[in-house]
Every structure is written in structure tokens, then in C-alpha cells.
All heavy atoms as atom14 arrays in JSON, in Angstrom:
{
  "sequence": "EPNTQHIDGLVNPDANAIFRSTDRSAPHNAYASGSGLESIIRQKGY",
  "atom14_mask": [
    [1, 1, 1, 1, 1, 1, 1, 1, 1, 0, 0, 0, 0, 0],
    [1, 1, 1, 1, 1, 1, 1, 0, 0, 0, 0, 0, 0, 0],
    [1, 1, 1, 1, 1, 1, 1, 1, 0, 0, 0, 0, 0, 0],
    [1, 1, 1, 1, 1, 1, 1, 0, 0, 0, 0, 0, 0, 0],
    [1, 1, 1, 1, 1, 1, 1, 1, 1, 0, 0, 0, 0, 0],
    [1, 1, 1, 1, 1, 1, 1, 1, 1, 1, 0, 0, 0, 0],
    [1, 1, 1, 1, 1, 1, 1, 1, 0, 0, 0, 0, 0, 0],
    [1, 1, 1, 1, 1, 1, 1, 1, 0, 0, 0, 0, 0, 0],
    [1, 1, 1, 1, 0, 0, 0, 0, 0, 0, 0, 0, 0, 0],
    [1, 1, 1, 1, 1, 1, 1, 1, 0, 0, 0, 0, 0, 0],
    [1, 1, 1, 1, 1, 1, 1, 0, 0, 0, 0, 0, 0, 0],
    [1, 1, 1, 1, 1, 1, 1, 1, 0, 0, 0, 0, 0, 0],
    [1, 1, 1, 1, 1, 1, 1, 0, 0, 0, 0, 0, 0, 0],
    [1, 1, 1, 1, 1, 1, 1, 1, 0, 0, 0, 0, 0, 0],
    [1, 1, 1, 1, 1, 0, 0, 0, 0, 0, 0, 0, 0, 0],
    [1, 1, 1, 1, 1, 1, 1, 1, 0, 0, 0, 0, 0, 0],
    [1, 1, 1, 1, 1, 0, 0, 0, 0, 0, 0, 0, 0, 0],
    [1, 1, 1, 1, 1, 1, 1, 1, 0, 0, 0, 0, 0, 0],
    [1, 1, 1, 1, 1, 1, 1, 1, 1, 1, 1, 0, 0, 0],
    [1, 1, 1, 1, 1, 1, 1, 1, 1, 1, 1, 0, 0, 0],
    [1, 1, 1, 1, 1, 1, 0, 0, 0, 0, 0, 0, 0, 0],
    [1, 1, 1, 1, 1, 1, 1, 0, 0, 0, 0, 0, 0, 0],
    [1, 1, 1, 1, 1, 1, 1, 1, 0, 0, 0, 0, 0, 0],
    [1, 1, 1, 1, 1, 1, 1, 1, 1, 1, 1, 0, 0, 0],
    [1, 1, 1, 1, 1, 1, 0, 0, 0, 0, 0, 0, 0, 0],
    [1, 1, 1, 1, 1, 0, 0, 0, 0, 0, 0, 0, 0, 0],
    [1, 1, 1, 1, 1, 1, 1, 0, 0, 0, 0, 0, 0, 0],
    [1, 1, 1, 1, 1, 1, 1, 1, 1, 1, 0, 0, 0, 0],
    [1, 1, 1, 1, 1, 1, 1, 1, 0, 0, 0, 0, 0, 0],
    [1, 1, 1, 1, 1, 0, 0, 0, 0, 0, 0, 0, 0, 0],
    [1, 1, 1, 1, 1, 1, 1, 1, 1, 1, 1, 1, 0, 0],
    [1, 1, 1, 1, 1, 0, 0, 0, 0, 0, 0, 0, 0, 0],
    [1, 1, 1, 1, 1, 1, 0, 0, 0, 0, 0, 0, 0, 0],
    [1, 1, 1, 1, 0, 0, 0, 0, 0, 0, 0, 0, 0, 0],
    [1, 1, 1, 1, 1, 1, 0, 0, 0, 0, 0, 0, 0, 0],
    [1, 1, 1, 1, 0, 0, 0, 0, 0, 0, 0, 0, 0, 0],
    [1, 1, 1, 1, 1, 1, 1, 1, 0, 0, 0, 0, 0, 0],
    [1, 1, 1, 1, 1, 1, 1, 1, 1, 0, 0, 0, 0, 0],
    [1, 1, 1, 1, 1, 1, 0, 0, 0, 0, 0, 0, 0, 0],
    [1, 1, 1, 1, 1, 1, 1, 1, 0, 0, 0, 0, 0, 0],
    [1, 1, 1, 1, 1, 1, 1, 1, 0, 0, 0, 0, 0, 0],
    [1, 1, 1, 1, 1, 1, 1, 1, 1, 1, 1, 0, 0, 0],
    [1, 1, 1, 1, 1, 1, 1, 1, 1, 0, 0, 0, 0, 0],
    [1, 1, 1, 1, 1, 1, 1, 1, 1, 0, 0, 0, 0, 0],
    [1, 1, 1, 1, 0, 0, 0, 0, 0, 0, 0, 0, 0, 0],
    [1, 1, 1, 1, 1, 1, 1, 1, 1, 1, 1, 1, 0, 0]
  ],
  "atom14_positions": [
    [[4.71, 17.52, -1.86], [4.69, 18.55, -0.8], [5.37, 17.75, 0.4], [5.08, 16.69, 0.7], [3.37, 19.02, -0.39], [2.71, 19.99, -1.23], [3.4, 21.29, -1.35], [4.04, 21.68, -0.3], [3.49, 21.94, -2.46], [0.0, 0.0, 0.0], [0.0, 0.0, 0.0], [0.0, 0.0, 0.0], [0.0, 0.0, 0.0], [0.0, 0.0, 0.0]],
    [[6.32, 18.4, 1.03], [7.07, 17.74, 2.21], [6.11, 17.34, 3.38], [6.63, 16.2, 3.99], [8.09, 18.88, 2.66], [7.41, 20.22, 2.26], [6.74, 19.85, 0.97], [0.0, 0.0, 0.0], [0.0, 0.0, 0.0], [0.0, 0.0, 0.0], [0.0, 0.0, 0.0], [0.0, 0.0, 0.0], [0.0, 0.0, 0.0], [0.0, 0.0, 0.0]],
    [[5.13, 17.86, 3.59], [4.16, 17.45, 4.69], [3.16, 16.31, 4.16], [2.52, 15.65, 5.16], [3.42, 18.55, 5.32], [4.24, 19.43, 6.13], [5.14, 19.01, 6.74], [3.88, 20.69, 6.18], [0.0, 0.0, 0.0], [0.0, 0.0, 0.0], [0.0, 0.0, 0.0], [0.0, 0.0, 0.0], [0.0, 0.0, 0.0], [0.0, 0.0, 0.0]],
    [[3.21, 15.99, 3.01], [2.24, 14.98, 2.48], [2.75, 13.6, 2.64], [3.87, 13.31, 2.14], [1.82, 15.11, 0.98], [1.31, 16.42, 0.73], [0.87, 14.04, 0.4], [0.0, 0.0, 0.0], [0.0, 0.0, 0.0], [0.0, 0.0, 0.0], [0.0, 0.0, 0.0], [0.0, 0.0, 0.0], [0.0, 0.0, 0.0], [0.0, 0.0, 0.0]],
    [[2.08, 12.81, 3.5], [2.61, 11.46, 3.65], [1.49, 10.53, 3.22], [0.39, 10.43, 3.71], [2.89, 11.26, 5.15], [4.07, 12.15, 5.61], [4.48, 11.86, 7.12], [3.79, 11.12, 7.91], [5.67, 12.45, 7.49], [0.0, 0.0, 0.0], [0.0, 0.0, 0.0], [0.0, 0.0, 0.0], [0.0, 0.0, 0.0], [0.0, 0.0, 0.0]],
    [[1.9, 9.62, 2.27], [1.01, 8.75, 1.59], [1.58, 7.41, 1.15], [2.74, 7.26, 1.13], [0.4, 9.5, 0.32], [1.45, 9.71, -0.76], [1.21, 9.28, -2.06], [2.57, 10.41, -0.86], [2.25, 9.52, -2.81], [2.96, 10.32, -2.15], [0.0, 0.0, 0.0], [0.0, 0.0, 0.0], [0.0, 0.0, 0.0], [0.0, 0.0, 0.0]],
    [[0.67, 6.47, 1.02], [1.17, 5.19, 0.49], [0.43, 4.92, -0.83], [-0.8, 4.8, -0.97], [0.81, 4.07, 1.46], [1.59, 4.21, 2.94], [1.08, 2.67, 0.89], [0.77, 5.08, 3.86], [0.0, 0.0, 0.0], [0.0, 0.0, 0.0], [0.0, 0.0, 0.0], [0.0, 0.0, 0.0], [0.0, 0.0, 0.0], [0.0, 0.0, 0.0]],
    [[1.27, 4.94, -1.84], [0.87, 4.73, -3.3], [1.03, 3.3, -3.64], [2.11, 2.99, -3.96], [1.38, 5.65, -4.19], [0.93, 5.72, -5.6], [0.21, 4.64, -5.9], [1.2, 6.45, -6.39], [0.0, 0.0, 0.0], [0.0, 0.0, 0.0], [0.0, 0.0, 0.0], [0.0, 0.0, 0.0], [0.0, 0.0, 0.0], [0.0, 0.0, 0.0]],
    [[0.01, 2.49, -3.76], [0.17, 0.97, -4.17], [0.75, 0.63, -5.32], [1.03, -0.46, -5.73], [0.0, 0.0, 0.0], [0.0, 0.0, 0.0], [0.0, 0.0, 0.0], [0.0, 0.0, 0.0], [0.0, 0.0, 0.0], [0.0, 0.0, 0.0], [0.0, 0.0, 0.0], [0.0, 0.0, 0.0], [0.0, 0.0, 0.0], [0.0, 0.0, 0.0]],
    [[0.88, 1.72, -6.29], [1.47, 1.49, -7.66], [3.01, 1.67, -7.73], [3.49, 1.55, -8.87], [0.78, 2.43, -8.63], [-0.74, 2.21, -8.89], [-1.3, 2.96, -10.12], [-1.0, 0.76, -9.2], [0.0, 0.0, 0.0], [0.0, 0.0, 0.0], [0.0, 0.0, 0.0], [0.0, 0.0, 0.0], [0.0, 0.0, 0.0], [0.0, 0.0, 0.0]],
    [[3.57, 2.17, -6.63], [5.04, 2.33, -6.75], [5.64, 1.62, -5.49], [5.07, 1.28, -4.51], [5.34, 3.79, -6.54], [4.74, 4.65, -7.71], [4.84, 4.47, -5.26], [0.0, 0.0, 0.0], [0.0, 0.0, 0.0], [0.0, 0.0, 0.0], [0.0, 0.0, 0.0], [0.0, 0.0, 0.0], [0.0, 0.0, 0.0], [0.0, 0.0, 0.0]],
    [[6.96, 1.2, -5.77], [7.7, 0.7, -4.59], [8.37, 1.79, -3.62], [8.74, 2.77, -4.11], [8.76, -0.25, -5.15], [8.24, -1.48, -5.89], [7.37, -2.02, -5.39], [8.81, -1.75, -7.04], [0.0, 0.0, 0.0], [0.0, 0.0, 0.0], [0.0, 0.0, 0.0], [0.0, 0.0, 0.0], [0.0, 0.0, 0.0], [0.0, 0.0, 0.0]],
    [[8.44, 1.45, -2.37], [8.09, 0.24, -1.77], [6.71, -0.02, -1.33], [6.26, -1.06, -0.76], [9.0, 0.22, -0.46], [9.11, 1.67, -0.17], [9.08, 2.38, -1.43], [0.0, 0.0, 0.0], [0.0, 0.0, 0.0], [0.0, 0.0, 0.0], [0.0, 0.0, 0.0], [0.0, 0.0, 0.0], [0.0, 0.0, 0.0], [0.0, 0.0, 0.0]],
    [[5.85, 1.1, -1.56], [4.5, 1.12, -1.09], [3.73, -0.06, -1.59], [2.79, -0.52, -0.83], [3.86, 2.39, -1.48], [4.53, 3.69, -1.02], [5.62, 3.46, -0.66], [3.87, 4.65, -1.08], [0.0, 0.0, 0.0], [0.0, 0.0, 0.0], [0.0, 0.0, 0.0], [0.0, 0.0, 0.0], [0.0, 0.0, 0.0], [0.0, 0.0, 0.0]],
    [[4.01, -0.6, -2.75], [3.26, -1.67, -3.31], [3.26, -2.86, -2.46], [2.38, -3.82, -2.54], [3.74, -1.96, -4.77], [0.0, 0.0, 0.0], [0.0, 0.0, 0.0], [0.0, 0.0, 0.0], [0.0, 0.0, 0.0], [0.0, 0.0, 0.0], [0.0, 0.0, 0.0], [0.0, 0.0, 0.0], [0.0, 0.0, 0.0], [0.0, 0.0, 0.0]],
    [[4.23, -3.01, -1.5], [4.28, -4.23, -0.62], [3.19, -4.14, 0.41], [3.01, -5.21, 1.08], [5.63, -4.2, 0.03], [6.85, -4.46, -0.89], [6.69, -5.24, -1.85], [7.91, -3.8, -0.64], [0.0, 0.0, 0.0], [0.0, 0.0, 0.0], [0.0, 0.0, 0.0], [0.0, 0.0, 0.0], [0.0, 0.0, 0.0], [0.0, 0.0, 0.0]],
    [[2.57, -3.0, 0.46], [1.36, -2.92, 1.52], [0.06, -3.28, 0.9], [-0.95, -3.44, 1.6], [1.35, -1.47, 2.06], [0.0, 0.0, 0.0], [0.0, 0.0, 0.0], [0.0, 0.0, 0.0], [0.0, 0.0, 0.0], [0.0, 0.0, 0.0], [0.0, 0.0, 0.0], [0.0, 0.0, 0.0], [0.0, 0.0, 0.0], [0.0, 0.0, 0.0]],
    [[0.05, -3.64, -0.48], [-1.11, -3.94, -1.17], [-1.11, -5.45, -1.69], [-0.1, -5.9, -1.96], [-1.31, -2.92, -2.3], [-1.14, -1.5, -1.91], [-2.56, -3.3, -3.16], [-2.31, -1.05, -1.02], [0.0, 0.0, 0.0], [0.0, 0.0, 0.0], [0.0, 0.0, 0.0], [0.0, 0.0, 0.0], [0.0, 0.0, 0.0], [0.0, 0.0, 0.0]],
    [[-2.23, -5.97, -1.52], [-2.37, -7.38, -2.18], [-3.62, -7.47, -3.07], [-4.51, -6.61, -2.87], [-2.35, -8.4, -0.99], [-3.65, -8.46, -0.06], [-4.88, -9.04, -0.37], [-3.59, -7.57, 1.1], [-5.86, -8.98, 0.44], [-4.67, -7.53, 2.04], [-5.9, -8.19, 1.52], [0.0, 0.0, 0.0], [0.0, 0.0, 0.0], [0.0, 0.0, 0.0]],
    [[-3.54, -8.41, -3.91], [-4.66, -8.59, -4.96], [-5.37, -9.85, -4.67], [-4.75, -10.86, -4.35], [-4.06, -8.69, -6.3], [-3.36, -7.44, -6.75], [-4.3, -6.33, -7.37], [-3.5, -5.18, -7.84], [-4.19, -4.15, -8.38], [-5.51, -4.2, -8.7], [-3.5, -3.2, -8.76], [0.0, 0.0, 0.0], [0.0, 0.0, 0.0], [0.0, 0.0, 0.0]],
    [[-6.64, -9.82, -4.61], [-7.51, -10.97, -4.45], [-7.78, -11.58, -5.8], [-7.64, -11.11, -6.85], [-8.83, -10.57, -3.77], [-9.69, -9.97, -4.76], [0.0, 0.0, 0.0], [0.0, 0.0, 0.0], [0.0, 0.0, 0.0], [0.0, 0.0, 0.0], [0.0, 0.0, 0.0], [0.0, 0.0, 0.0], [0.0, 0.0, 0.0], [0.0, 0.0, 0.0]],
    [[-8.23, -12.88, -5.72], [-8.55, -13.62, -7.02], [-10.03, -13.83, -7.22], [-10.35, -14.35, -8.23], [-7.84, -14.99, -6.91], [-8.43, -15.66, -5.7], [-6.36, -14.93, -6.8], [0.0, 0.0, 0.0], [0.0, 0.0, 0.0], [0.0, 0.0, 0.0], [0.0, 0.0, 0.0], [0.0, 0.0, 0.0], [0.0, 0.0, 0.0], [0.0, 0.0, 0.0]],
    [[-10.85, -13.17, -6.29], [-12.3, -13.37, -6.53], [-12.81, -12.34, -7.42], [-14.06, -12.43, -7.84], [-12.88, -13.31, -5.22], [-12.85, -12.07, -4.57], [-11.85, -11.2, -4.88], [-13.47, -11.7, -3.46], [0.0, 0.0, 0.0], [0.0, 0.0, 0.0], [0.0, 0.0, 0.0], [0.0, 0.0, 0.0], [0.0, 0.0, 0.0], [0.0, 0.0, 0.0]],
    [[-12.07, -11.44, -7.87], [-12.6, -10.43, -8.85], [-11.38, -9.86, -9.7], [-10.31, -10.06, -9.33], [-13.31, -9.22, -8.27], [-12.51, -8.43, -7.31], [-13.21, -7.31, -6.66], [-14.25, -7.65, -5.82], [-14.97, -6.69, -5.18], [-14.88, -5.36, -5.33], [-15.88, -7.14, -4.31], [0.0, 0.0, 0.0], [0.0, 0.0, 0.0], [0.0, 0.0, 0.0]],
    [[-11.76, -9.23, -10.77], [-10.68, -8.86, -11.78], [-10.23, -7.38, -11.43], [-10.94, -6.69, -10.74], [-11.09, -8.86, -13.17], [-12.25, -8.11, -13.36], [0.0, 0.0, 0.0], [0.0, 0.0, 0.0], [0.0, 0.0, 0.0], [0.0, 0.0, 0.0], [0.0, 0.0, 0.0], [0.0, 0.0, 0.0], [0.0, 0.0, 0.0], [0.0, 0.0, 0.0]],
    [[-9.04, -7.0, -11.93], [-8.49, -5.66, -11.63], [-9.42, -4.74, -12.47], [-10.01, -5.09, -13.42], [-7.11, -5.53, -12.2], [0.0, 0.0, 0.0], [0.0, 0.0, 0.0], [0.0, 0.0, 0.0], [0.0, 0.0, 0.0], [0.0, 0.0, 0.0], [0.0, 0.0, 0.0], [0.0, 0.0, 0.0], [0.0, 0.0, 0.0], [0.0, 0.0, 0.0]],
    [[-9.6, -3.35, -12.11], [-8.9, -2.77, -10.96], [-9.47, -2.95, -9.55], [-9.04, -2.25, -8.67], [-8.77, -1.35, -11.44], [-10.2, -1.21, -11.99], [-10.48, -2.59, -12.75], [0.0, 0.0, 0.0], [0.0, 0.0, 0.0], [0.0, 0.0, 0.0], [0.0, 0.0, 0.0], [0.0, 0.0, 0.0], [0.0, 0.0, 0.0], [0.0, 0.0, 0.0]],
    [[-10.61, -3.81, -9.41], [-11.27, -3.69, -8.21], [-10.89, -4.84, -7.23], [-11.77, -5.33, -6.42], [-12.85, -3.84, -8.51], [-13.42, -2.72, -9.32], [-13.29, -1.41, -8.92], [-13.97, -2.58, -10.57], [-13.89, -0.63, -9.72], [-14.22, -1.35, -10.84], [0.0, 0.0, 0.0], [0.0, 0.0, 0.0], [0.0, 0.0, 0.0], [0.0, 0.0, 0.0]],
    [[-9.61, -5.24, -7.37], [-9.21, -6.33, -6.38], [-7.98, -6.0, -5.48], [-7.36, -6.9, -5.13], [-8.95, -7.61, -7.21], [-7.76, -7.44, -8.2], [-7.37, -6.22, -8.4], [-7.33, -8.47, -8.82], [0.0, 0.0, 0.0], [0.0, 0.0, 0.0], [0.0, 0.0, 0.0], [0.0, 0.0, 0.0], [0.0, 0.0, 0.0], [0.0, 0.0, 0.0]],
    [[-7.75, -4.74, -5.3], [-6.56, -4.29, -4.44], [-7.1, -3.94, -3.14], [-7.93, -3.17, -2.93], [-6.01, -3.19, -5.19], [0.0, 0.0, 0.0], [0.0, 0.0, 0.0], [0.0, 0.0, 0.0], [0.0, 0.0, 0.0], [0.0, 0.0, 0.0], [0.0, 0.0, 0.0], [0.0, 0.0, 0.0], [0.0, 0.0, 0.0], [0.0, 0.0, 0.0]],
    [[-6.25, -4.5, -2.24], [-6.63, -4.3, -0.7], [-5.29, -4.02, 0.08], [-4.21, -4.35, -0.31], [-7.34, -5.49, -0.13], [-8.61, -5.93, -0.92], [-8.56, -6.81, -2.0], [-9.94, -5.39, -0.64], [-9.69, -7.17, -2.7], [-11.05, -5.73, -1.27], [-10.87, -6.55, -2.37], [-12.15, -6.88, -3.01], [0.0, 0.0, 0.0], [0.0, 0.0, 0.0]],
    [[-5.53, -3.52, 1.33], [-4.48, -3.39, 2.16], [-4.78, -3.99, 3.49], [-6.08, -4.1, 3.92], [-4.18, -1.8, 2.44], [0.0, 0.0, 0.0], [0.0, 0.0, 0.0], [0.0, 0.0, 0.0], [0.0, 0.0, 0.0], [0.0, 0.0, 0.0], [0.0, 0.0, 0.0], [0.0, 0.0, 0.0], [0.0, 0.0, 0.0], [0.0, 0.0, 0.0]],
    [[-3.7, -4.33, 4.25], [-3.98, -4.84, 5.64], [-3.41, -3.7, 6.68], [-2.4, -3.05, 6.17], [-3.3, -6.15, 5.92], [-1.95, -6.08, 5.74], [0.0, 0.0, 0.0], [0.0, 0.0, 0.0], [0.0, 0.0, 0.0], [0.0, 0.0, 0.0], [0.0, 0.0, 0.0], [0.0, 0.0, 0.0], [0.0, 0.0, 0.0], [0.0, 0.0, 0.0]],
    [[-3.88, -3.63, 7.84], [-3.23, -2.68, 8.79], [-1.83, -3.01, 9.08], [-1.08, -2.07, 9.19], [0.0, 0.0, 0.0], [0.0, 0.0, 0.0], [0.0, 0.0, 0.0], [0.0, 0.0, 0.0], [0.0, 0.0, 0.0], [0.0, 0.0, 0.0], [0.0, 0.0, 0.0], [0.0, 0.0, 0.0], [0.0, 0.0, 0.0], [0.0, 0.0, 0.0]],
    [[-1.49, -4.29, 9.17], [-0.12, -4.65, 9.45], [0.82, -4.26, 8.3], [1.98, -3.76, 8.47], [0.0, -6.12, 9.83], [-0.47, -6.91, 8.76], [0.0, 0.0, 0.0], [0.0, 0.0, 0.0], [0.0, 0.0, 0.0], [0.0, 0.0, 0.0], [0.0, 0.0, 0.0], [0.0, 0.0, 0.0], [0.0, 0.0, 0.0], [0.0, 0.0, 0.0]],
    [[0.28, -4.55, 7.05], [1.09, -4.05, 5.91], [1.36, -2.59, 5.83], [2.48, -2.2, 5.4], [0.0, 0.0, 0.0], [0.0, 0.0, 0.0], [0.0, 0.0, 0.0], [0.0, 0.0, 0.0], [0.0, 0.0, 0.0], [0.0, 0.0, 0.0], [0.0, 0.0, 0.0], [0.0, 0.0, 0.0], [0.0, 0.0, 0.0], [0.0, 0.0, 0.0]],
    [[0.36, -1.89, 6.06], [0.51, -0.44, 6.0], [1.42, 0.1, 7.07], [2.29, 0.93, 6.75], [-0.96, 0.2, 6.15], [-1.94, 0.13, 5.04], [-3.22, 0.54, 5.36], [-1.41, 0.77, 3.77], [0.0, 0.0, 0.0], [0.0, 0.0, 0.0], [0.0, 0.0, 0.0], [0.0, 0.0, 0.0], [0.0, 0.0, 0.0], [0.0, 0.0, 0.0]],
    [[1.26, -0.45, 8.26], [2.12, -0.09, 9.42], [3.61, -0.39, 9.12], [4.48, 0.5, 9.36], [1.88, -0.71, 10.71], [2.61, -0.25, 11.82], [2.19, -0.86, 13.18], [1.16, -1.74, 13.23], [2.73, -0.53, 14.22], [0.0, 0.0, 0.0], [0.0, 0.0, 0.0], [0.0, 0.0, 0.0], [0.0, 0.0, 0.0], [0.0, 0.0, 0.0]],
    [[3.84, -1.45, 8.47], [5.19, -1.77, 8.09], [5.71, -0.79, 7.05], [6.97, -0.35, 7.24], [5.25, -3.23, 7.41], [6.53, -3.66, 6.94], [0.0, 0.0, 0.0], [0.0, 0.0, 0.0], [0.0, 0.0, 0.0], [0.0, 0.0, 0.0], [0.0, 0.0, 0.0], [0.0, 0.0, 0.0], [0.0, 0.0, 0.0], [0.0, 0.0, 0.0]],
    [[5.01, -0.43, 6.12], [5.5, 0.52, 5.09], [5.7, 1.95, 5.8], [6.59, 2.65, 5.46], [4.54, 0.54, 3.83], [4.63, -0.66, 3.11], [4.9, 1.78, 2.93], [6.01, -0.93, 2.52], [0.0, 0.0, 0.0], [0.0, 0.0, 0.0], [0.0, 0.0, 0.0], [0.0, 0.0, 0.0], [0.0, 0.0, 0.0], [0.0, 0.0, 0.0]],
    [[4.76, 2.22, 6.56], [4.82, 3.59, 7.31], [6.07, 3.72, 8.06], [6.82, 4.67, 8.02], [3.59, 3.84, 8.28], [2.35, 4.13, 7.29], [3.78, 4.93, 9.1], [1.0, 4.0, 8.09], [0.0, 0.0, 0.0], [0.0, 0.0, 0.0], [0.0, 0.0, 0.0], [0.0, 0.0, 0.0], [0.0, 0.0, 0.0], [0.0, 0.0, 0.0]],
    [[6.4, 2.67, 8.82], [7.62, 2.69, 9.56], [8.85, 2.63, 8.69], [9.86, 3.35, 8.88], [7.62, 1.46, 10.53], [6.58, 1.49, 11.65], [6.77, 0.37, 12.54], [5.81, 0.35, 13.54], [5.72, 1.11, 14.68], [6.7, 1.95, 14.92], [4.8, 1.05, 15.57], [0.0, 0.0, 0.0], [0.0, 0.0, 0.0], [0.0, 0.0, 0.0]],
    [[8.87, 1.83, 7.58], [10.0, 1.85, 6.6], [10.22, 3.23, 6.01], [11.38, 3.44, 5.77], [9.55, 0.8, 5.52], [10.74, 0.53, 4.55], [10.46, -0.51, 3.48], [9.52, -1.39, 3.8], [11.09, -0.57, 2.39], [0.0, 0.0, 0.0], [0.0, 0.0, 0.0], [0.0, 0.0, 0.0], [0.0, 0.0, 0.0], [0.0, 0.0, 0.0]],
    [[9.2, 3.96, 5.73], [9.28, 5.21, 5.2], [9.69, 6.26, 6.27], [9.91, 7.48, 5.82], [8.11, 5.66, 4.36], [7.68, 4.71, 3.28], [6.47, 5.07, 2.45], [6.6, 6.23, 1.59], [5.57, 6.44, 0.64], [0.0, 0.0, 0.0], [0.0, 0.0, 0.0], [0.0, 0.0, 0.0], [0.0, 0.0, 0.0], [0.0, 0.0, 0.0]],
    [[9.8, 5.86, 7.46], [10.16, 6.95, 8.55], [9.05, 7.9, 8.86], [9.24, 8.89, 9.45], [0.0, 0.0, 0.0], [0.0, 0.0, 0.0], [0.0, 0.0, 0.0], [0.0, 0.0, 0.0], [0.0, 0.0, 0.0], [0.0, 0.0, 0.0], [0.0, 0.0, 0.0], [0.0, 0.0, 0.0], [0.0, 0.0, 0.0], [0.0, 0.0, 0.0]],
    [[7.79, 7.54, 8.52], [6.69, 8.39, 8.91], [6.35, 8.14, 10.35], [6.49, 7.04, 11.0], [5.42, 8.1, 8.17], [5.44, 8.36, 6.66], [4.45, 7.72, 5.81], [6.29, 9.17, 6.09], [4.47, 8.0, 4.54], [6.32, 9.45, 4.8], [5.38, 8.83, 3.96], [5.4, 9.17, 2.55], [0.0, 0.0, 0.0], [0.0, 0.0, 0.0]]
  ]
}
């Protein structure tokens, strides 16, 4: 939908906002930072 604005960490470029930790195994090791999310939000023109 045109009004839906989202960051999906499984697709590019959104995946650049997500990082994986090494202290646990997938799928429970995916995290985001505020700065990373803001960068992608601006990159996508939101």
C-alpha cells in the first residue's frame, strides 16, 4: 500500500539497518540501532 512505510530487514537496502549478534543463534539474534534505522528511513525518502 502506498501509505505503508516499513523497514524489512530481509530485503535490501533495509537489511543495512539490521545487525546480527554472536551471543545467540538465528533467528533470535537480529537487532536494529536507532541510527541505522534513521539512515535507511532517510535513504528511502520517508
